[in-house]
Amino acid sequence: MRISFALILIAACGQSSSSTTIAPDAAPEARCTGKPLPAHDTTWMLGTRRVDVHLPPGYDATTPVPLVLNFHGFTSDGAQEALLSQMNAKADAEGFVVLYPYGTGSPLSWNAGACCGSAVQNSVDDIGFVRAVVDAADDQLCIDDARVYATGMSNGGFLSHRIGCELADRFAAIAPVAGVNGMTTCMPARPMPVMHFHGTADPLVPYTGSTSLGFIAVPDSFAAWAARDACTGDAVETYRNGDSHCSTYKDCGGGAEVTLCTIDGGGHTWPGGTPVPSLGTTTTDLDATDAMWAFFAAHPLR
């Protein structure tokens, strides 16, 4: 599943304005006292791992704010993910912090079970890394620990599913884009709210699944989350506009909801985001960044 956004996303590569080194095992602080006021855009290094940081303009280091971790796809990186998802503008408008962690290897990848690259082959502890990223955010920033969320594109979407499976104690909700659950075992500690976006014409993570790639079908991934979350009744349509429509299981354990947003004819792309013509159609009938933020805001950690 090799993806290259280099030609159309090269402008994002210079977004970081400063750099801070953070010990990967830094303990989170319990209160927002004595916290520094970092640059609007900065870069953290957790050991050898990079995280790009974007703060909203109103961030003041004394008021707890939500946190979104946004994971790039296979062969991409954090700077490209910021441009692809256009999430910084949403963070500025809504007042949340967004982090763009970087994977490992060459090309960069995440260990998310069925996907992808050297991170899977080398059994990289990306769940441990994600925990370290959240700990670093707690240590350096004023974060509302009840409103920590994960999203990602492609391989980053697969990782978002894994986070839902294994880090339900730290993350309130997940919103994978163009990635299914690739874990053979998934036992979240509590019902996990999930909002999944996927195009029916995705050439890399097929909507109907792929036996050769080991990817389950999107509807099966959706139904499995509904079962894990003890949802009852049928999914009901909650959105329809042009080529895009969403269905939601509303009656789930712990106040969770499970939503699948399908883009008819959509490619391996971020709905409403920066188009990647070589990977298919990018819809303008649904903005995934807007939709997932509304979903996140409705689902704090209970």
Protein backbone atom coordinates (compact mmCIF):
# COMPACT_ATOMS: atom_id res chain seq x y z
CA MET A 1 0.00 0.00 0.00
CA ARG A 2 2.62 2.51 -1.12
CA ILE A 3 1.32 6.07 -1.21
CA SER A 4 3.25 9.18 -2.20
CA PHE A 5 1.85 12.62 -1.56
CA ALA A 6 5.21 14.35 -2.17
CA LEU A 7 4.34 16.26 -5.33
CA ILE A 8 1.14 17.86 -4.14
CA LEU A 9 1.95 18.16 -0.42
CA ILE A 10 5.55 19.38 -0.51
CA ALA A 11 4.51 22.82 0.76
CA ALA A 12 3.69 21.36 4.17
CA CYS A 13 7.21 20.26 4.91
CA GLY A 14 8.33 23.56 6.43
CA GLN A 15 5.48 24.10 8.87
CA SER A 16 7.41 23.61 12.14
CA SER A 17 9.00 26.72 13.61
CA SER A 18 10.93 25.37 16.61
CA SER A 19 12.00 22.14 18.24
CA THR A 20 11.84 20.74 21.76
CA THR A 21 13.31 17.48 23.05
CA ILE A 22 11.14 15.59 25.56
CA ALA A 23 12.09 12.48 27.47
CA PRO A 24 9.84 9.69 26.27
CA ASP A 25 9.11 8.56 29.82
CA ALA A 26 8.18 12.03 31.15
CA ALA A 27 5.44 11.78 33.80
CA PRO A 28 2.28 13.76 33.12
CA GLU A 29 1.42 16.60 35.50
CA ALA A 30 -1.94 16.46 37.21
CA ARG A 31 -2.72 20.18 37.04
CA CYS A 32 -2.15 23.05 34.61
CA THR A 33 0.26 24.97 36.81
CA GLY A 34 3.68 26.16 35.80
CA LYS A 35 3.26 24.97 32.23
CA PRO A 36 5.33 26.74 29.55
CA LEU A 37 3.71 28.65 26.69
CA PRO A 38 5.22 26.97 23.63
CA ALA A 39 5.35 28.26 20.08
CA HIS A 40 2.18 28.13 17.99
CA ASP A 41 3.81 25.46 15.80
CA THR A 42 6.68 23.38 17.14
CA THR A 43 8.28 19.94 16.96
CA TRP A 44 8.89 17.50 19.80
CA MET A 45 11.42 14.67 19.72
CA LEU A 46 10.54 11.69 21.92
CA GLY A 47 13.82 9.86 21.74
CA THR A 48 14.25 9.44 17.98
CA ARG A 49 10.55 9.85 17.21
CA ARG A 50 9.13 13.11 15.88
CA VAL A 51 5.82 14.80 16.67
CA ASP A 52 4.64 18.00 15.00
CA VAL A 53 2.57 20.18 17.32
CA HIS A 54 -0.07 22.76 16.39
CA LEU A 55 -1.65 24.99 19.03
CA PRO A 56 -4.76 27.11 18.47
CA PRO A 57 -4.19 30.87 18.69
CA GLY A 58 -6.15 31.19 21.96
CA TYR A 59 -4.13 28.57 23.84
CA ASP A 60 -2.99 30.06 27.18
CA ALA A 61 -1.49 27.09 29.12
CA THR A 62 -3.96 27.49 32.00
CA THR A 63 -7.26 26.23 30.57
CA PRO A 64 -7.55 22.52 29.69
CA VAL A 65 -8.18 21.97 25.97
CA PRO A 66 -9.01 18.91 23.85
CA LEU A 67 -6.25 16.99 22.08
CA VAL A 68 -6.40 15.22 18.69
CA LEU A 69 -3.66 12.87 17.47
CA ASN A 70 -3.71 12.72 13.65
CA PHE A 71 -1.68 9.84 12.14
CA HIS A 72 -0.30 9.90 8.59
CA GLY A 73 -0.56 7.12 6.03
CA PHE A 74 2.06 4.64 4.84
CA THR A 75 4.93 6.48 3.06
CA SER A 76 3.52 9.86 4.13
CA ASP A 77 4.49 11.96 7.18
CA GLY A 78 3.02 14.34 9.73
CA ALA A 79 3.50 17.50 7.68
CA GLN A 80 1.72 15.95 4.72
CA GLU A 81 -1.08 14.70 6.96
CA ALA A 82 -1.66 18.25 8.23
CA LEU A 83 -2.11 19.49 4.68
CA LEU A 84 -4.16 16.50 3.56
CA SER A 85 -6.67 16.74 6.43
CA GLN A 86 -6.62 20.55 6.74
CA MET A 87 -7.06 20.02 10.46
CA ASN A 88 -5.06 23.01 11.69
CA ALA A 89 -7.76 25.43 10.55
CA LYS A 90 -10.38 23.40 12.44
CA ALA A 91 -8.16 23.34 15.53
CA ASP A 92 -7.84 27.12 15.35
CA ALA A 93 -11.60 27.59 14.99
CA GLU A 94 -12.58 25.15 17.76
CA GLY A 95 -9.68 25.61 20.17
CA PHE A 96 -8.08 22.16 20.32
CA VAL A 97 -4.46 21.03 20.08
CA VAL A 98 -3.53 18.70 17.22
CA LEU A 99 -0.43 16.50 17.15
CA TYR A 100 0.99 14.82 14.05
CA PRO A 101 3.26 11.95 15.15
CA TYR A 102 5.69 10.31 12.71
CA GLY A 103 6.00 6.58 12.10
CA THR A 104 9.21 4.57 11.77
CA GLY A 105 11.29 3.07 8.99
CA SER A 106 11.78 4.06 5.37
CA PRO A 107 9.14 4.61 4.15
CA LEU A 108 7.43 5.66 7.36
CA SER A 109 4.81 3.25 8.67
CA TRP A 110 2.76 2.24 11.72
CA ASN A 111 2.32 -1.16 13.34
CA ALA A 112 -1.42 -1.66 13.09
CA GLY A 113 -1.78 -5.41 12.73
CA ALA A 114 -2.67 -6.05 9.10
CA CYS A 115 -0.97 -2.81 8.02
CA CYS A 116 1.81 -1.75 7.23
CA GLY A 117 5.46 -1.93 6.18
CA SER A 118 8.52 -2.36 8.36
CA ALA A 119 6.68 -1.24 11.51
CA VAL A 120 4.65 -4.47 11.34
CA GLN A 121 7.60 -6.59 10.21
CA ASN A 122 9.73 -5.31 13.11
CA SER A 123 6.90 -5.43 15.69
CA VAL A 124 7.41 -1.75 16.55
CA ASP A 125 5.73 -0.81 19.83
CA ASP A 126 3.60 1.97 18.39
CA ILE A 127 1.03 1.66 21.18
CA GLY A 128 3.80 2.39 23.66
CA PHE A 129 4.84 5.34 21.52
CA VAL A 130 1.28 6.68 21.39
CA ARG A 131 1.06 6.47 25.18
CA ALA A 132 4.35 8.40 25.39
CA VAL A 133 2.97 11.08 23.05
CA VAL A 134 -0.10 11.57 25.25
CA ASP A 135 2.09 11.63 28.37
CA ALA A 136 4.31 14.28 26.74
CA ALA A 137 1.25 16.36 25.88
CA ASP A 138 0.06 16.12 29.49
CA ASP A 139 3.50 17.14 30.69
CA GLN A 140 4.06 20.06 28.33
CA LEU A 141 0.53 21.35 27.68
CA CYS A 142 -2.74 21.97 29.47
CA ILE A 143 -4.78 19.03 28.14
CA ASP A 144 -8.28 17.92 29.09
CA ASP A 145 -7.67 14.21 29.66
CA ALA A 146 -11.35 13.45 29.11
CA ARG A 147 -11.13 14.79 25.55
CA VAL A 148 -8.23 13.00 23.85
CA TYR A 149 -9.02 11.64 20.38
CA ALA A 150 -7.36 9.78 17.51
CA THR A 151 -7.75 9.92 13.75
CA GLY A 152 -5.59 9.04 10.80
CA MET A 153 -5.42 8.31 7.10
CA SER A 154 -4.89 4.83 5.62
CA ASN A 155 -2.17 3.17 7.75
CA GLY A 156 -2.91 5.93 10.27
CA GLY A 157 -6.57 4.93 10.11
CA PHE A 158 -5.60 1.33 10.86
CA LEU A 159 -3.60 2.63 13.83
CA SER A 160 -6.63 4.61 15.02
CA HIS A 161 -8.58 1.34 15.14
CA ARG A 162 -5.77 -0.27 17.14
CA ILE A 163 -5.82 2.66 19.56
CA GLY A 164 -9.55 2.09 20.01
CA CYS A 165 -8.84 -1.57 20.78
CA GLU A 166 -5.94 -1.05 23.20
CA LEU A 167 -5.98 2.49 24.57
CA ALA A 168 -9.60 3.01 25.59
CA ASP A 169 -8.29 4.21 28.96
CA ARG A 170 -6.65 7.26 27.33
CA PHE A 171 -8.69 8.01 24.20
CA ALA A 172 -12.32 9.10 24.26
CA ALA A 173 -13.16 8.34 20.59
CA ILE A 174 -11.56 7.46 17.25
CA ALA A 175 -12.26 8.47 13.64
CA PRO A 176 -10.33 6.37 11.09
CA VAL A 177 -10.22 7.48 7.45
CA ALA A 178 -9.64 4.90 4.67
CA GLY A 179 -8.45 2.24 7.09
CA VAL A 180 -10.19 -0.80 8.59
CA ASN A 181 -9.46 -2.61 11.83
CA GLY A 182 -6.46 -4.82 11.18
CA MET A 183 -6.20 -6.39 14.65
CA THR A 184 -6.92 -10.08 15.14
CA THR A 185 -7.76 -9.35 18.80
CA CYS A 186 -9.67 -6.26 19.83
CA MET A 187 -10.99 -6.02 23.39
CA PRO A 188 -11.42 -2.36 24.38
CA ALA A 189 -11.66 -1.69 28.09
CA ARG A 190 -14.94 0.15 27.56
CA PRO A 191 -17.32 0.89 24.68
CA MET A 192 -15.37 2.98 22.16
CA PRO A 193 -17.13 5.63 20.04
CA VAL A 194 -16.05 5.16 16.41
CA MET A 195 -16.62 7.24 13.26
CA HIS A 196 -15.20 5.62 10.11
CA PHE A 197 -14.92 7.28 6.68
CA HIS A 198 -14.37 5.20 3.51
CA GLY A 199 -14.81 5.45 -0.24
CA THR A 200 -16.40 2.60 -2.20
CA ALA A 201 -13.79 2.97 -4.98
CA ASP A 202 -10.75 2.98 -2.67
CA PRO A 203 -7.99 1.26 -4.72
CA LEU A 204 -5.68 0.52 -1.78
CA VAL A 205 -7.99 -0.47 1.08
CA PRO A 206 -10.93 -1.95 -0.83
CA TYR A 207 -14.38 -1.27 0.57
CA THR A 208 -15.27 -4.93 0.09
CA GLY A 209 -12.05 -6.14 1.70
CA SER A 210 -9.05 -8.03 0.35
CA THR A 211 -8.10 -11.59 1.21
CA SER A 212 -4.64 -11.19 -0.32
CA LEU A 213 -3.91 -8.06 1.73
CA GLY A 214 -5.58 -9.37 4.87
CA PHE A 215 -8.01 -6.43 5.05
CA ILE A 216 -11.58 -7.08 6.19
CA ALA A 217 -14.50 -5.39 4.43
CA VAL A 218 -15.54 -1.96 5.65
CA PRO A 219 -19.10 -3.06 6.58
CA ASP A 220 -17.63 -5.95 8.57
CA SER A 221 -15.29 -3.60 10.46
CA PHE A 222 -18.29 -1.35 11.18
CA ALA A 223 -20.47 -4.24 12.40
CA ALA A 224 -17.67 -5.60 14.58
CA TRP A 225 -17.32 -2.28 16.41
CA ALA A 226 -21.09 -2.23 16.96
CA ALA A 227 -20.89 -5.71 18.48
CA ARG A 228 -17.95 -4.77 20.74
CA ASP A 229 -19.82 -1.71 21.93
CA ALA A 230 -22.96 -3.76 22.68
CA CYS A 231 -25.03 -1.70 20.27
CA THR A 232 -28.67 -2.71 19.86
CA GLY A 233 -31.14 -2.15 17.06
CA ASP A 234 -30.22 -1.22 13.51
CA ALA A 235 -27.93 1.52 12.24
CA VAL A 236 -29.94 4.55 11.13
CA GLU A 237 -29.04 7.06 8.46
CA THR A 238 -27.72 10.25 10.08
CA TYR A 239 -26.33 12.10 7.04
CA ARG A 240 -26.90 12.18 3.29
CA ASN A 241 -25.57 14.70 0.79
CA GLY A 242 -24.64 13.96 -2.81
CA ASP A 243 -22.25 11.03 -2.92
CA SER A 244 -21.85 10.81 0.86
CA HIS A 245 -24.02 9.15 3.50
CA CYS A 246 -23.52 8.07 7.12
CA SER A 247 -25.23 5.42 9.22
CA THR A 248 -25.03 5.25 13.02
CA TYR A 249 -25.66 2.72 15.75
CA LYS A 250 -27.01 5.05 18.44
CA ASP A 251 -27.96 2.66 21.25
CA CYS A 252 -24.60 1.39 22.46
CA GLY A 253 -23.00 0.68 25.79
CA GLY A 254 -21.62 3.54 27.84
CA GLY A 255 -23.17 6.21 25.63
CA ALA A 256 -20.97 5.25 22.68
CA GLU A 257 -22.03 5.52 19.04
CA VAL A 258 -20.61 3.77 15.98
CA THR A 259 -20.86 5.59 12.64
CA LEU A 260 -19.84 4.64 9.13
CA CYS A 261 -19.66 7.39 6.50
CA THR A 262 -19.54 5.96 2.98
CA ILE A 263 -18.53 7.97 -0.07
CA ASP A 264 -19.97 6.41 -3.21
CA GLY A 265 -17.18 6.38 -5.79
CA GLY A 266 -14.75 7.90 -3.30
CA GLY A 267 -11.07 7.01 -3.55
CA HIS A 268 -8.26 6.53 -1.05
CA THR A 269 -8.73 10.12 0.02
CA TRP A 270 -9.72 12.37 2.93
CA PRO A 271 -13.33 13.57 2.42
CA GLY A 272 -13.31 17.35 2.08
CA GLY A 273 -9.51 17.44 2.31
CA THR A 274 -6.71 18.18 -0.13
CA PRO A 275 -7.38 16.20 -3.34
CA VAL A 276 -4.98 13.43 -4.37
CA PRO A 277 -6.11 12.74 -7.95
CA SER A 278 -3.90 9.68 -8.40
CA LEU A 279 -5.75 7.96 -5.55
CA GLY A 280 -9.28 8.64 -6.72
CA THR A 281 -12.10 11.08 -6.09
CA THR A 282 -12.08 13.41 -3.09
CA THR A 283 -15.66 14.28 -2.24
CA THR A 284 -16.80 17.81 -1.42
CA ASP A 285 -20.17 16.53 -0.17
CA LEU A 286 -18.76 15.64 3.24
CA ASP A 287 -15.94 17.19 5.26
CA ALA A 288 -14.41 14.47 7.41
CA THR A 289 -12.52 16.93 9.60
CA ASP A 290 -15.67 18.90 10.42
CA ALA A 291 -17.77 15.76 10.93
CA MET A 292 -15.28 13.98 13.16
CA TRP A 293 -14.78 17.05 15.34
CA ALA A 294 -18.55 17.24 15.96
CA PHE A 295 -18.44 13.51 16.80
CA PHE A 296 -15.45 13.97 19.12
CA ALA A 297 -17.05 16.92 20.90
CA ALA A 298 -20.14 14.80 21.60
CA HIS A 299 -18.11 11.93 23.07
CA PRO A 300 -15.80 12.85 25.98
CA LEU A 301 -14.28 10.06 28.03
CA ARG A 302 -16.93 8.95 30.52
